[in-house]
Protein backbone atom coordinates (compact mmCIF):
# COMPACT_ATOMS: atom_id res chain seq x y z
CA MET A 1 184.80 159.38 215.93
CA TYR A 2 184.08 158.12 219.57
CA THR A 3 186.13 159.41 222.32
CA GLN A 4 188.18 156.95 224.65
CA PRO A 5 185.64 155.61 226.77
CA ALA A 6 186.47 154.89 230.61
CA ASP A 7 186.33 150.94 230.00
CA THR A 8 186.93 149.97 226.19
CA ALA A 9 185.62 146.10 226.81
CA VAL A 10 182.13 147.40 228.04
CA PHE A 11 181.89 150.00 224.84
CA ASP A 12 183.24 147.47 222.12
CA ALA A 13 180.98 144.84 223.44
CA TYR A 14 177.49 147.02 223.28
CA TYR A 15 178.97 148.98 220.25
CA HIS A 16 179.46 145.63 218.41
CA GLY A 17 176.71 143.79 220.05
CA THR A 18 173.92 146.38 219.91
CA HIS A 19 174.72 149.62 218.00
CA VAL A 20 176.03 147.98 215.05
CA PRO A 21 172.70 145.79 214.56
CA LEU A 22 170.71 148.96 214.92
CA ALA A 23 172.83 150.97 212.08
CA LYS A 24 172.52 148.04 209.64
CA THR A 25 168.85 148.61 209.71
CA LEU A 26 169.29 152.42 208.20
CA PRO A 27 167.69 152.66 205.01
CA ASN A 28 169.88 152.98 201.78
CA LEU A 29 173.05 152.37 203.90
CA ARG A 30 175.51 151.19 201.33
CA GLU A 31 178.84 150.45 203.18
CA MET A 32 179.78 150.50 207.05
CA ASN A 33 183.41 150.63 207.69
CA LEU A 34 184.58 150.19 211.33
CA SER A 35 188.23 150.98 212.74
CA THR A 36 189.70 147.37 213.70
CA ALA A 37 192.56 149.56 216.12
CA PRO A 38 192.58 152.87 217.81
CA PRO A 39 193.59 155.19 215.11
CA THR A 40 196.50 157.31 215.15
CA ALA A 41 196.84 161.10 214.75
CA LEU A 42 199.68 162.75 212.83
CA MET A 43 198.36 166.05 214.48
CA GLY A 44 195.80 166.27 217.41
CA THR A 45 194.19 163.75 219.48
CA ALA A 46 193.14 160.42 217.98
CA PRO A 47 189.77 159.44 218.44
CA TYR A 48 189.43 156.01 220.31
CA PHE A 49 187.02 154.24 217.47
CA VAL A 50 185.87 155.63 213.77
CA ALA A 51 182.85 154.32 212.04
CA GLU A 52 182.40 155.19 208.52
CA LEU A 53 178.50 154.74 207.07
CA VAL A 54 178.13 155.54 203.41
CA PHE A 55 175.50 156.31 201.49
CA ASP A 56 174.93 157.18 197.55
CA THR A 57 173.61 160.61 197.81
CA MET A 58 173.21 163.08 200.38
CA ALA A 59 169.20 162.75 200.14
CA GLU A 60 169.56 159.21 201.02
CA LEU A 61 171.53 160.19 204.16
CA GLN A 62 169.03 162.75 205.29
CA ASP A 63 166.18 160.17 204.60
CA ALA A 64 167.95 157.50 206.76
CA LEU A 65 168.74 160.16 209.74
CA ARG A 66 165.10 160.95 209.58
CA SER A 67 163.62 157.43 209.42
CA PRO A 68 162.32 155.57 212.20
CA GLU A 69 165.51 153.47 212.11
CA GLY A 70 167.75 156.41 212.26
CA GLN A 71 166.09 157.97 215.02
CA LYS A 72 166.34 154.77 217.10
CA THR A 73 169.98 154.56 216.02
CA ALA A 74 170.95 158.00 217.00
CA ALA A 75 168.94 157.81 220.38
CA ASP A 76 171.24 154.53 221.20
CA LEU A 77 174.35 156.81 221.31
CA ALA A 78 173.35 158.04 224.80
CA ASN A 79 173.81 153.97 226.14
CA PHE A 80 177.27 153.89 225.28
CA ALA A 81 178.88 156.94 223.94
CA GLN A 82 179.05 159.00 227.58
CA ALA A 83 182.86 159.57 226.65
CA GLY A 84 181.54 161.47 223.47
CA VAL A 85 181.16 161.42 219.95
CA THR A 86 181.80 163.69 216.71
CA ILE A 87 179.69 163.04 213.99
CA LEU A 88 180.68 164.45 210.82
CA ILE A 89 178.89 164.66 207.54
CA LEU A 90 180.72 165.25 204.11
CA GLU A 91 180.58 164.59 200.68
CA THR A 92 183.53 162.83 198.59
CA SER A 93 184.54 162.16 195.27
CA ARG A 94 186.87 159.51 194.04
CA THR A 95 189.90 160.99 192.35
CA MET A 96 191.80 157.91 191.67
């Protein structure tokens, strides 16, 4: 979840042109979902942008983060996420 950047056009261009291609190189990445508009918060403060990266298992996620591609992708955050980023890791189950 990315905090509102000072210049949204610069953020968007860098994110989609540079960071997404880096993230797509993560080993075992099954799915990447990107918000298409700023989210609305029912409570609290909404982030500017949300990205969801999906892996089949926690082990695959951890392997991806430790990989050279994961290290390069994580290091890239400093190039565009100066306003702040919150990274959540969670396991989910399908109920429907």
